[in-house]
C-alpha atoms as a PDB file:
ATOM      1  CA  MET A   1       5.623  35.224   9.723  1.00  0.00           C
ATOM      2  CA  ASN A   2       3.972  33.362  12.549  1.00  0.00           C
ATOM      3  CA  ASN A   3       1.693  36.383  12.999  1.00  0.00           C
ATOM      4  CA  ILE A   4       0.690  36.831   9.473  1.00  0.00           C
ATOM      5  CA  THR A   5      -2.745  35.389   8.668  1.00  0.00           C
ATOM      6  CA  LEU A   6      -4.280  34.438   5.411  1.00  0.00           C
ATOM      7  CA  ARG A   7      -7.145  36.954   6.011  1.00  0.00           C
ATOM      8  CA  GLN A   8      -4.476  39.643   6.343  1.00  0.00           C
ATOM      9  CA  ILE A   9      -3.041  38.636   3.103  1.00  0.00           C
ATOM     10  CA  ARG A  10      -6.381  38.411   1.302  1.00  0.00           C
ATOM     11  CA  THR A  11      -7.322  41.873   2.689  1.00  0.00           C
ATOM     12  CA  PHE A  12      -4.169  43.306   1.340  1.00  0.00           C
ATOM     13  CA  LEU A  13      -4.706  41.900  -2.174  1.00  0.00           C
ATOM     14  CA  ALA A  14      -8.305  43.194  -2.254  1.00  0.00           C
ATOM     15  CA  VAL A  15      -7.043  46.638  -1.525  1.00  0.00           C
ATOM     16  CA  ALA A  16      -4.100  46.440  -3.998  1.00  0.00           C
ATOM     17  CA  GLU A  17      -6.366  45.069  -6.774  1.00  0.00           C
ATOM     18  CA  SER A  18      -9.277  47.523  -6.224  1.00  0.00           C
ATOM     19  CA  GLY A  19      -7.196  50.559  -5.270  1.00  0.00           C
ATOM     20  CA  SER A  20      -9.607  51.493  -2.563  1.00  0.00           C
ATOM     21  CA  PHE A  21     -10.181  50.531   1.038  1.00  0.00           C
ATOM     22  CA  ARG A  22     -13.869  51.001   0.568  1.00  0.00           C
ATOM     23  CA  ARG A  23     -14.163  48.674  -2.475  1.00  0.00           C
ATOM     24  CA  ALA A  24     -11.859  46.155  -0.690  1.00  0.00           C
ATOM     25  CA  SER A  25     -14.171  46.077   2.361  1.00  0.00           C
ATOM     26  CA  GLU A  26     -17.122  45.316   0.088  1.00  0.00           C
ATOM     27  CA  ARG A  27     -14.999  42.566  -1.565  1.00  0.00           C
ATOM     28  CA  VAL A  28     -13.865  40.803   1.607  1.00  0.00           C
ATOM     29  CA  HIS A  29     -17.064  41.632   3.569  1.00  0.00           C
ATOM     30  CA  LEU A  30     -15.261  43.453   6.383  1.00  0.00           C
ATOM     31  CA  SER A  31     -15.744  47.026   7.695  1.00  0.00           C
ATOM     32  CA  GLN A  32     -13.218  49.675   6.391  1.00  0.00           C
ATOM     33  CA  PRO A  33     -11.659  50.049   9.890  1.00  0.00           C
ATOM     34  CA  ALA A  34     -11.126  46.308   9.866  1.00  0.00           C
ATOM     35  CA  VAL A  35      -9.543  46.341   6.464  1.00  0.00           C
ATOM     36  CA  THR A  36      -7.269  49.182   7.597  1.00  0.00           C
ATOM     37  CA  ALA A  37      -6.256  47.292  10.632  1.00  0.00           C
ATOM     38  CA  HIS A  38      -5.467  44.084   8.649  1.00  0.00           C
ATOM     39  CA  VAL A  39      -3.152  46.016   6.272  1.00  0.00           C
ATOM     40  CA  GLN A  40      -1.473  47.875   9.084  1.00  0.00           C
ATOM     41  CA  GLN A  41      -0.911  44.684  11.112  1.00  0.00           C
ATOM     42  CA  LEU A  42       0.626  43.056   7.980  1.00  0.00           C
ATOM     43  CA  GLU A  43       2.939  46.025   7.391  1.00  0.00           C
ATOM     44  CA  GLU A  44       3.998  46.065  11.159  1.00  0.00           C
ATOM     45  CA  GLU A  45       4.862  42.343  10.922  1.00  0.00           C
ATOM     46  CA  LEU A  46       6.832  42.807   7.685  1.00  0.00           C
ATOM     47  CA  GLY A  47       8.469  46.090   8.809  1.00  0.00           C
ATOM     48  CA  MET A  48       7.849  47.571   5.372  1.00  0.00           C
ATOM     49  CA  PRO A  49       5.039  49.762   3.954  1.00  0.00           C
ATOM     50  CA  LEU A  50       3.080  47.977   1.357  1.00  0.00           C
ATOM     51  CA  LEU A  51       0.672  50.783   0.471  1.00  0.00           C
ATOM     52  CA  ASP A  52       0.983  54.498   0.147  1.00  0.00           C
ATOM     53  CA  ARG A  53      -2.303  56.166   1.153  1.00  0.00           C
ATOM     54  CA  THR A  54      -3.510  59.697   0.359  1.00  0.00           C
ATOM     55  CA  THR A  55      -6.921  61.170   0.578  1.00  0.00           C
ATOM     56  CA  ARG A  56      -7.439  60.609  -3.072  1.00  0.00           C
ATOM     57  CA  ARG A  57      -5.790  57.250  -3.845  1.00  0.00           C
ATOM     58  CA  VAL A  58      -4.077  54.099  -2.574  1.00  0.00           C
ATOM     59  CA  ARG A  59      -0.900  53.124  -4.391  1.00  0.00           C
ATOM     60  CA  VAL A  60       1.080  49.874  -3.976  1.00  0.00           C
ATOM     61  CA  THR A  61       4.686  50.432  -2.984  1.00  0.00           C
ATOM     62  CA  ALA A  62       7.528  48.520  -4.627  1.00  0.00           C
ATOM     63  CA  ALA A  63       7.774  46.110  -1.634  1.00  0.00           C
ATOM     64  CA  GLY A  64       3.900  45.835  -1.853  1.00  0.00           C
ATOM     65  CA  GLU A  65       4.267  44.784  -5.529  1.00  0.00           C
ATOM     66  CA  ARG A  66       6.775  42.027  -4.620  1.00  0.00           C
ATOM     67  CA  PHE A  67       4.568  40.844  -1.806  1.00  0.00           C
ATOM     68  CA  ARG A  68       1.482  40.917  -3.990  1.00  0.00           C
ATOM     69  CA  ALA A  69       3.041  38.819  -6.758  1.00  0.00           C
ATOM     70  CA  ARG A  70       4.220  36.183  -4.373  1.00  0.00           C
ATOM     71  CA  ALA A  71       1.119  36.241  -2.274  1.00  0.00           C
ATOM     72  CA  GLN A  72      -1.080  35.583  -5.295  1.00  0.00           C
ATOM     73  CA  ARG A  73       1.034  32.561  -6.186  1.00  0.00           C
ATOM     74  CA  LEU A  74       0.915  31.299  -2.736  1.00  0.00           C
ATOM     75  CA  LEU A  75      -2.838  31.574  -2.494  1.00  0.00           C
ATOM     76  CA  ALA A  76      -3.267  30.025  -6.006  1.00  0.00           C
ATOM     77  CA  GLU A  77      -1.023  26.979  -4.857  1.00  0.00           C
ATOM     78  CA  LEU A  78      -2.869  26.695  -1.647  1.00  0.00           C
ATOM     79  CA  GLY A  79      -6.123  26.720  -3.450  1.00  0.00           C
ATOM     80  CA  ASP A  80      -4.893  23.970  -5.774  1.00  0.00           C
ATOM     81  CA  LEU A  81      -3.786  21.914  -2.855  1.00  0.00           C
ATOM     82  CA  VAL A  82      -7.060  22.201  -1.034  1.00  0.00           C
ATOM     83  CA  ALA A  83      -8.943  21.193  -4.195  1.00  0.00           C
ATOM     84  CA  GLU A  84      -6.547  18.202  -4.547  1.00  0.00           C
ATOM     85  CA  LEU A  85      -7.141  17.114  -0.898  1.00  0.00           C
ATOM     86  CA  LYS A  86     -10.852  17.423  -1.285  1.00  0.00           C
ATOM     87  CA  ASP A  87     -10.822  15.294  -4.469  1.00  0.00           C
ATOM     88  CA  GLU A  88      -8.703  12.719  -2.718  1.00  0.00           C
ATOM     89  CA  ALA A  89     -11.122  12.602   0.215  1.00  0.00           C
ATOM     90  CA  ALA A  90     -13.998  12.160  -2.334  1.00  0.00           C
ATOM     91  CA  LEU A  91     -11.947   9.447  -3.985  1.00  0.00           C
ATOM     92  CA  GLU A  92     -11.802  11.360  -7.286  1.00  0.00           C
ATOM     93  CA  ARG A  93      -8.053  11.442  -7.482  1.00  0.00           C
ATOM     94  CA  GLY A  94      -5.049  10.137  -5.415  1.00  0.00           C
ATOM     95  CA  ARG A  95      -2.523   7.385  -5.385  1.00  0.00           C
ATOM     96  CA  VAL A  96      -2.121   4.111  -3.698  1.00  0.00           C
ATOM     97  CA  LEU A  97       1.287   2.315  -3.419  1.00  0.00           C
ATOM     98  CA  VAL A  98       0.978  -1.331  -2.693  1.00  0.00           C
ATOM     99  CA  ALA A  99       3.801  -3.874  -2.066  1.00  0.00           C
ATOM    100  CA  CYS A 100       2.667  -7.443  -2.569  1.00  0.00           C
ATOM    101  CA  VAL A 101       4.174 -10.903  -2.528  1.00  0.00           C
ATOM    102  CA  PRO A 102       4.095 -12.415  -6.089  1.00  0.00           C
ATOM    103  CA  THR A 103       1.841 -15.372  -5.002  1.00  0.00           C
ATOM    104  CA  ILE A 104      -0.922 -13.023  -3.995  1.00  0.00           C
ATOM    105  CA  ALA A 105      -0.186 -10.482  -6.786  1.00  0.00           C
ATOM    106  CA  SER A 106      -0.696 -13.091  -9.505  1.00  0.00           C
ATOM    107  CA  ARG A 107      -3.748 -14.887  -7.855  1.00  0.00           C
ATOM    108  CA  LEU A 108      -5.777 -12.826  -5.455  1.00  0.00           C
ATOM    109  CA  LEU A 109      -4.926  -9.240  -6.474  1.00  0.00           C
ATOM    110  CA  PRO A 110      -5.872  -8.950 -10.262  1.00  0.00           C
ATOM    111  CA  ARG A 111      -9.516  -9.093  -9.760  1.00  0.00           C
ATOM    112  CA  ALA A 112      -9.346  -6.530  -6.876  1.00  0.00           C
ATOM    113  CA  LEU A 113      -7.230  -4.196  -9.091  1.00  0.00           C
ATOM    114  CA  ALA A 114      -9.669  -4.406 -12.045  1.00  0.00           C
ATOM    115  CA  ARG A 115     -12.727  -3.666  -9.754  1.00  0.00           C
ATOM    116  CA  PHE A 116     -10.916  -0.755  -7.988  1.00  0.00           C
ATOM    117  CA  ARG A 117     -10.008   0.852 -11.201  1.00  0.00           C
ATOM    118  CA  GLY A 118     -13.678   0.598 -12.441  1.00  0.00           C
ATOM    119  CA  LEU A 119     -14.894   2.132  -9.258  1.00  0.00           C
ATOM    120  CA  PHE A 120     -12.221   4.851  -8.879  1.00  0.00           C
ATOM    121  CA  PRO A 121     -10.745   5.696 -12.312  1.00  0.00           C
ATOM    122  CA  GLY A 122      -9.139   8.814 -11.004  1.00  0.00           C
ATOM    123  CA  ILE A 123      -6.871   7.065  -8.487  1.00  0.00           C
ATOM    124  CA  THR A 124      -3.542   5.741  -9.667  1.00  0.00           C
ATOM    125  CA  LEU A 125      -2.525   2.392  -8.313  1.00  0.00           C
ATOM    126  CA  THR A 126       0.996   1.261  -8.203  1.00  0.00           C
ATOM    127  CA  VAL A 127       1.858  -2.458  -7.298  1.00  0.00           C
ATOM    128  CA  ASN A 128       5.289  -3.795  -6.543  1.00  0.00           C
ATOM    129  CA  ASP A 129       5.489  -7.551  -6.390  1.00  0.00           C
ATOM    130  CA  VAL A 130       8.389  -8.286  -4.011  1.00  0.00           C
ATOM    131  CA  VAL A 131       9.289 -11.107  -1.636  1.00  0.00           C
ATOM    132  CA  ALA A 132       7.892 -10.795   1.907  1.00  0.00           C
ATOM    133  CA  ALA A 133      11.012  -9.314   3.497  1.00  0.00           C
ATOM    134  CA  GLU A 134      10.742  -6.482   0.845  1.00  0.00           C
ATOM    135  CA  VAL A 135       7.156  -5.942   1.597  1.00  0.00           C
ATOM    136  CA  TYR A 136       8.123  -4.921   5.127  1.00  0.00           C
ATOM    137  CA  GLU A 137      11.029  -2.870   3.916  1.00  0.00           C
ATOM    138  CA  HIS A 138       8.816  -0.912   1.448  1.00  0.00           C
ATOM    139  CA  LEU A 139       6.440  -0.083   4.280  1.00  0.00           C
ATOM    140  CA  ALA A 140       9.117   0.969   6.701  1.00  0.00           C
ATOM    141  CA  ARG A 141      10.782   3.213   4.137  1.00  0.00           C
ATOM    142  CA  GLY A 142       7.508   4.847   3.053  1.00  0.00           C
ATOM    143  CA  GLN A 143       7.614   3.257  -0.396  1.00  0.00           C
ATOM    144  CA  ALA A 144       4.270   1.622   0.097  1.00  0.00           C
ATOM    145  CA  ASP A 145       1.003   2.618   1.749  1.00  0.00           C
ATOM    146  CA  ILE A 146      -0.058  -0.976   2.329  1.00  0.00           C
ATOM    147  CA  GLY A 147       1.431  -4.364   2.051  1.00  0.00           C
ATOM    148  CA  ILE A 148      -0.107  -7.703   1.169  1.00  0.00           C
ATOM    149  CA  GLY A 149       1.682 -10.848   2.343  1.00  0.00           C
ATOM    150  CA  PRO A 150       2.511 -13.229   5.155  1.00  0.00           C
ATOM    151  CA  GLN A 151       2.098 -12.211   8.797  1.00  0.00           C
ATOM    152  CA  PRO A 152       5.063 -10.294  10.108  1.00  0.00           C
ATOM    153  CA  SER A 153       7.066 -11.849  13.041  1.00  0.00           C
ATOM    154  CA  ALA A 154       5.903 -11.215  16.517  1.00  0.00           C
ATOM    155  CA  GLY A 155       7.067  -7.765  17.952  1.00  0.00           C
ATOM    156  CA  ALA A 156       7.449  -6.213  14.452  1.00  0.00           C
ATOM    157  CA  GLU A 157       6.484  -2.654  13.804  1.00  0.00           C
ATOM    158  CA  PHE A 158       3.520  -3.641  11.681  1.00  0.00           C
ATOM    159  CA  GLU A 159      -0.197  -4.236  12.053  1.00  0.00           C
ATOM    160  CA  PHE A 160      -1.716  -7.374  10.288  1.00  0.00           C
ATOM    161  CA  GLU A 161      -5.195  -8.107   9.128  1.00  0.00           C
ATOM    162  CA  PRO A 162      -5.538 -11.677   7.883  1.00  0.00           C
ATOM    163  CA  ILE A 163      -7.476 -12.354   4.722  1.00  0.00           C
ATOM    164  CA  ALA A 164      -6.750 -16.027   3.958  1.00  0.00           C
ATOM    165  CA  ARG A 165      -5.066 -19.082   5.522  1.00  0.00           C
ATOM    166  CA  ASP A 166      -3.139 -20.838   2.786  1.00  0.00           C
ATOM    167  CA  PRO A 167      -2.358 -24.554   3.445  1.00  0.00           C
ATOM    168  CA  TYR A 168       0.988 -26.002   2.334  1.00  0.00           C
ATOM    169  CA  VAL A 169       0.968 -28.918  -0.179  1.00  0.00           C
ATOM    170  CA  ALA A 170       3.562 -31.331  -1.233  1.00  0.00           C
ATOM    171  CA  VAL A 171       4.625 -30.845  -4.974  1.00  0.00           C
ATOM    172  CA  VAL A 172       5.819 -33.946  -6.746  1.00  0.00           C
ATOM    173  CA  PRO A 173       6.181 -35.195 -10.405  1.00  0.00           C
ATOM    174  CA  ARG A 174       2.976 -36.780 -11.722  1.00  0.00           C
ATOM    175  CA  ASP A 175       4.664 -40.243 -11.852  1.00  0.00           C
ATOM    176  CA  HIS A 176       5.957 -39.974  -8.283  1.00  0.00           C
ATOM    177  CA  PRO A 177       4.524 -42.705  -5.818  1.00  0.00           C
ATOM    178  CA  TRP A 178       3.028 -39.906  -3.600  1.00  0.00           C
ATOM    179  CA  ALA A 179       0.962 -38.601  -6.556  1.00  0.00           C
ATOM    180  CA  ARG A 180      -1.557 -41.353  -5.916  1.00  0.00           C
ATOM    181  CA  ARG A 181      -1.808 -40.620  -2.188  1.00  0.00           C
ATOM    182  CA  ARG A 182      -4.551 -38.667  -0.549  1.00  0.00           C
ATOM    183  CA  SER A 183      -2.056 -36.899   1.812  1.00  0.00           C
ATOM    184  CA  VAL A 184       1.540 -36.996   3.070  1.00  0.00           C
ATOM    185  CA  SER A 185       2.952 -36.111   6.390  1.00  0.00           C
ATOM    186  CA  LEU A 186       5.785 -33.843   7.543  1.00  0.00           C
ATOM    187  CA  ARG A 187       7.695 -37.021   8.532  1.00  0.00           C
ATOM    188  CA  ASP A 188       7.310 -38.169   4.864  1.00  0.00           C
ATOM    189  CA  LEU A 189       8.816 -34.961   3.722  1.00  0.00           C
ATOM    190  CA  ALA A 190      11.750 -35.166   6.079  1.00  0.00           C
ATOM    191  CA  ARG A 191      12.726 -38.585   4.737  1.00  0.00           C
ATOM    192  CA  ALA A 192      12.465 -37.574   0.895  1.00  0.00           C
ATOM    193  CA  PRO A 193      15.063 -35.834  -1.314  1.00  0.00           C
ATOM    194  CA  PHE A 194      13.891 -32.311  -0.422  1.00  0.00           C
ATOM    195  CA  LEU A 195      14.034 -29.181  -2.539  1.00  0.00           C
ATOM    196  CA  THR A 196      13.228 -25.775  -1.073  1.00  0.00           C
ATOM    197  CA  MET A 197      13.318 -21.984  -1.286  1.00  0.00           C
ATOM    198  CA  ASN A 198      16.446 -20.230  -0.134  1.00  0.00           C
ATOM    199  CA  ARG A 199      16.709 -19.009   3.529  1.00  0.00           C
ATOM    200  CA  GLU A 200      15.438 -15.483   2.708  1.00  0.00           C
ATOM    201  CA  SER A 201      12.066 -17.008   1.943  1.00  0.00           C
ATOM    202  CA  ASN A 202       9.176 -16.627   4.353  1.00  0.00           C
ATOM    203  CA  VAL A 203       7.722 -19.828   2.715  1.00  0.00           C
ATOM    204  CA  ARG A 204      10.818 -21.825   3.886  1.00  0.00           C
ATOM    205  CA  GLY A 205      10.864 -20.211   7.411  1.00  0.00           C
ATOM    206  CA  ILE A 206       7.155 -21.331   8.091  1.00  0.00           C
ATOM    207  CA  LEU A 207       7.875 -24.842   6.993  1.00  0.00           C
ATOM    208  CA  GLU A 208      11.073 -25.186   9.037  1.00  0.00           C
ATOM    209  CA  SER A 209       9.186 -23.979  12.145  1.00  0.00           C
ATOM    210  CA  ALA A 210       6.505 -26.597  11.486  1.00  0.00           C
ATOM    211  CA  LEU A 211       9.111 -29.258  11.067  1.00  0.00           C
ATOM    212  CA  GLY A 212      11.027 -28.134  14.232  1.00  0.00           C
ATOM    213  CA  ALA A 213       7.752 -28.445  16.301  1.00  0.00           C
ATOM    214  CA  GLN A 214       7.619 -32.054  15.341  1.00  0.00           C
ATOM    215  CA  SER A 215      11.261 -32.547  16.173  1.00  0.00           C
ATOM    216  CA  LEU A 216      12.018 -32.952  12.388  1.00  0.00           C
ATOM    217  CA  LYS A 217      14.663 -31.445  10.262  1.00  0.00           C
ATOM    218  CA  VAL A 218      15.412 -31.578   6.556  1.00  0.00           C
ATOM    219  CA  THR A 219      18.664 -30.904   4.773  1.00  0.00           C
ATOM    220  CA  PRO A 220      17.630 -29.455   1.399  1.00  0.00           C
ATOM    221  CA  LEU A 221      19.172 -31.215  -1.666  1.00  0.00           C
ATOM    222  CA  LEU A 222      18.928 -27.986  -3.710  1.00  0.00           C
ATOM    223  CA  GLU A 223      17.652 -24.431  -2.924  1.00  0.00           C
ATOM    224  CA  ALA A 224      16.004 -21.885  -5.304  1.00  0.00           C
ATOM    225  CA  ARG A 225      15.073 -18.308  -5.001  1.00  0.00           C
ATOM    226  CA  HIS A 226      12.027 -18.442  -7.259  1.00  0.00           C
ATOM    227  CA  HIS A 227       8.971 -20.747  -7.231  1.00  0.00           C
ATOM    228  CA  PHE A 228       9.153 -21.501 -10.829  1.00  0.00           C
ATOM    229  CA  THR A 229      12.792 -22.578 -10.576  1.00  0.00           C
ATOM    230  CA  LEU A 230      11.801 -24.933  -7.733  1.00  0.00           C
ATOM    231  CA  GLY A 231       8.922 -26.399  -9.967  1.00  0.00           C
ATOM    232  CA  GLY A 232      11.435 -27.064 -12.758  1.00  0.00           C
ATOM    233  CA  MET A 233      13.718 -28.965 -10.425  1.00  0.00           C
ATOM    234  CA  VAL A 234      10.769 -30.982  -9.153  1.00  0.00           C
ATOM    235  CA  GLU A 235       9.474 -31.701 -12.627  1.00  0.00           C
ATOM    236  CA  ALA A 236      13.000 -32.952 -13.584  1.00  0.00           C
ATOM    237  CA  GLY A 237      12.798 -35.628 -10.821  1.00  0.00           C
ATOM    238  CA  LEU A 238      15.477 -34.108  -8.578  1.00  0.00           C
ATOM    239  CA  GLY A 239      13.213 -34.327  -5.490  1.00  0.00           C
ATOM    240  CA  VAL A 240       9.980 -33.078  -3.975  1.00  0.00           C
ATOM    241  CA  THR A 241       9.101 -29.755  -2.307  1.00  0.00           C
ATOM    242  CA  ALA A 242       6.391 -28.121  -0.165  1.00  0.00           C
ATOM    243  CA  LEU A 243       4.748 -24.839  -0.934  1.00  0.00           C
ATOM    244  CA  PRO A 244       1.635 -22.876   0.000  1.00  0.00           C
ATOM    245  CA  SER A 245      -1.213 -23.797  -2.390  1.00  0.00           C
ATOM    246  CA  MET A 246      -1.552 -20.324  -3.858  1.00  0.00           C
ATOM    247  CA  ALA A 247       2.223 -20.434  -4.941  1.00  0.00           C
ATOM    248  CA  VAL A 248       1.639 -23.623  -7.008  1.00  0.00           C
ATOM    249  CA  SER A 249      -0.329 -21.673  -9.661  1.00  0.00           C
ATOM    250  CA  MET A 250       3.163 -19.803 -10.468  1.00  0.00           C
ATOM    251  CA  LEU A 251       4.871 -23.017 -11.371  1.00  0.00           C
ATOM    252  CA  SER A 252       3.032 -23.569 -14.700  1.00  0.00           C
ATOM    253  CA  GLN A 253       4.366 -27.098 -15.061  1.00  0.00           C
ATOM    254  CA  PRO A 254       1.607 -29.508 -16.173  1.00  0.00           C
ATOM    255  CA  LEU A 255       3.648 -32.517 -15.121  1.00  0.00           C
ATOM    256  CA  LEU A 256       3.423 -31.783 -11.404  1.00  0.00           C
ATOM    257  CA  LYS A 257       1.069 -32.905  -8.882  1.00  0.00           C
ATOM    258  CA  THR A 258       0.053 -31.512  -5.465  1.00  0.00           C
ATOM    259  CA  VAL A 259      -0.727 -33.644  -2.406  1.00  0.00           C
ATOM    260  CA  PRO A 260      -2.161 -32.194   0.909  1.00  0.00           C
ATOM    261  CA  ILE A 261       0.208 -32.233   3.821  1.00  0.00           C
ATOM    262  CA  THR A 262      -1.369 -33.582   7.122  1.00  0.00           C
ATOM    263  CA  LEU A 263      -0.172 -34.744  10.455  1.00  0.00           C
ATOM    264  CA  PRO A 264      -0.111 -31.910  10.997  1.00  0.00           C
ATOM    265  CA  ARG A 265      -1.375 -29.437   8.515  1.00  0.00           C
ATOM    266  CA  VAL A 266       0.798 -26.411   7.825  1.00  0.00           C
ATOM    267  CA  PHE A 267      -0.504 -22.999   6.975  1.00  0.00           C
ATOM    268  CA  ARG A 268       0.705 -19.601   5.776  1.00  0.00           C
ATOM    269  CA  ASP A 269      -1.458 -16.805   7.001  1.00  0.00           C
ATOM    270  CA  VAL A 270      -1.580 -13.974   4.494  1.00  0.00           C
ATOM    271  CA  GLY A 271      -3.183 -10.517   4.855  1.00  0.00           C
ATOM    272  CA  ILE A 272      -3.013  -6.789   4.841  1.00  0.00           C
ATOM    273  CA  VAL A 273       0.163  -5.365   6.384  1.00  0.00           C
ATOM    274  CA  LYS A 274       0.406  -1.678   7.546  1.00  0.00           C
ATOM    275  CA  LEU A 275       2.987   0.225   9.409  1.00  0.00           C
ATOM    276  CA  ARG A 276       1.822   0.352  13.056  1.00  0.00           C
ATOM    277  CA  GLY A 277       0.037   3.733  13.889  1.00  0.00           C
ATOM    278  CA  THR A 278      -0.165   4.782  10.262  1.00  0.00           C
ATOM    279  CA  ARG A 279      -3.373   6.656   9.190  1.00  0.00           C
ATOM    280  CA  LEU A 280      -4.111   5.684   5.625  1.00  0.00           C
ATOM    281  CA  THR A 281      -5.586   7.972   2.894  1.00  0.00           C
ATOM    282  CA  PRO A 282      -9.168   7.429   1.788  1.00  0.00           C
ATOM    283  CA  ALA A 283      -7.947   5.961  -1.446  1.00  0.00           C
ATOM    284  CA  ALA A 284      -5.834   3.281   0.483  1.00  0.00           C
ATOM    285  CA  GLU A 285      -8.739   2.535   2.810  1.00  0.00           C
ATOM    286  CA  ALA A 286     -11.053   2.196  -0.232  1.00  0.00           C
ATOM    287  CA  PHE A 287      -8.505  -0.212  -1.871  1.00  0.00           C
ATOM    288  CA  ILE A 288      -8.409  -2.390   1.199  1.00  0.00           C
ATOM    289  CA  ARG A 289     -12.159  -2.630   1.276  1.00  0.00           C
ATOM    290  CA  VAL A 290     -12.249  -3.778  -2.304  1.00  0.00           C
ATOM    291  CA  VAL A 291      -9.489  -6.376  -1.605  1.00  0.00           C
ATOM    292  CA  LEU A 292     -11.431  -7.818   1.279  1.00  0.00           C
ATOM    293  CA  GLU A 293     -14.645  -8.006  -0.701  1.00  0.00           C
ATOM    294  CA  GLU A 294     -12.846  -9.841  -3.566  1.00  0.00           C
ATOM    295  CA  VAL A 295     -11.116 -12.186  -1.126  1.00  0.00           C
ATOM    296  CA  ASP A 296     -14.490 -13.078   0.305  1.00  0.00           C
ATOM    297  CA  GLU A 297     -15.794 -13.845  -3.249  1.00  0.00           C
ATOM    298  CA  TRP A 298     -12.589 -15.786  -4.138  1.00  0.00           C
ATOM    299  CA  ARG A 299     -12.871 -17.842  -0.919  1.00  0.00           C
ATOM    300  CA  ARG A 300     -16.460 -18.777  -1.694  1.00  0.00           C
ATOM    301  CA  GLU A 301     -15.337 -19.832  -5.241  1.00  0.00           C
ATOM    302  CA  ARG A 302     -12.500 -22.005  -3.959  1.00  0.00           C
ATOM    303  CA  SER A 303     -14.669 -23.583  -1.226  1.00  0.00           C
ATOM    304  CA  ALA A 304     -17.238 -24.578  -3.857  1.00  0.00           C
ATOM    305  CA  ALA A 305     -14.478 -25.959  -6.021  1.00  0.00           C
ATOM    306  CA  GLY A 306     -13.035 -27.951  -3.116  1.00  0.00           C
ATOM    307  CA  ASP A 307      -9.888 -25.869  -2.686  1.00  0.00           C
ATOM    308  CA  GLY A 308      -8.169 -26.018   0.606  1.00  0.00           C
ATOM    309  CA  VAL A 309      -7.707 -22.420   1.180  1.00  0.00           C
ATOM    310  CA  ASP A 310      -9.569 -21.163   4.277  1.00  0.00           C
END
């Protein structure tokens, strides 16, 4: 099989369909000796005669009929594949699988999705909103082309392109004494009844690292897996919490107030995550470009509104 070429197959099909080496040579734009040589080479490789030749006519053998039927299907499928790949390269069709943390999926991503669909209606987008650890798992398992989420840990098998630096804010009930303050410190948080995400959360890990750098530690009063659960606990007066500012929009509790954290400020860097060394499809590359453009626009809007996202 290694010595069989597409040209040999096409030449044989031309002879079989036209019933003549002369007509086949005109069809494939080769000399008659070249056509004869291609068919002979194919027969030698297969070890079976494909054509019976006489001075008057060319007849396809039983083996040749079997080969012709499958070869025609093979070339048709190959032609379809080539057309598909060309369409994907031209961004006329394709598929992009995205794994994205919910805070980004609900706030930054929707406009990018809408714009991308308008620009490239033939490309299918699939978005899975998952926690940060699952973003990395989806990429490692080939279940996502790109991820959008927090920066992976040092030494991980991923490449990271930052798109935003999201500051942490304290989240308190509107009648809490901190609600009237311009800022709170990490030391304030360490002394307060504190509610937090569970240990699987990247949000918690970043905060604990910042506290540790200040020789501070908190013992959570309660833990939650989801942001909106944490917001309900804070609203009920069970304590205070700290979250990246983009996560606050997921809480949907009107009785909550956010207060900037200073001394020091704490940030979560979010961006595009890819498996290291991966070459993305044209569709995935185009999606990243649209996301970056929308993030720039979103950042300008937030800056004009006085939002703290960098």
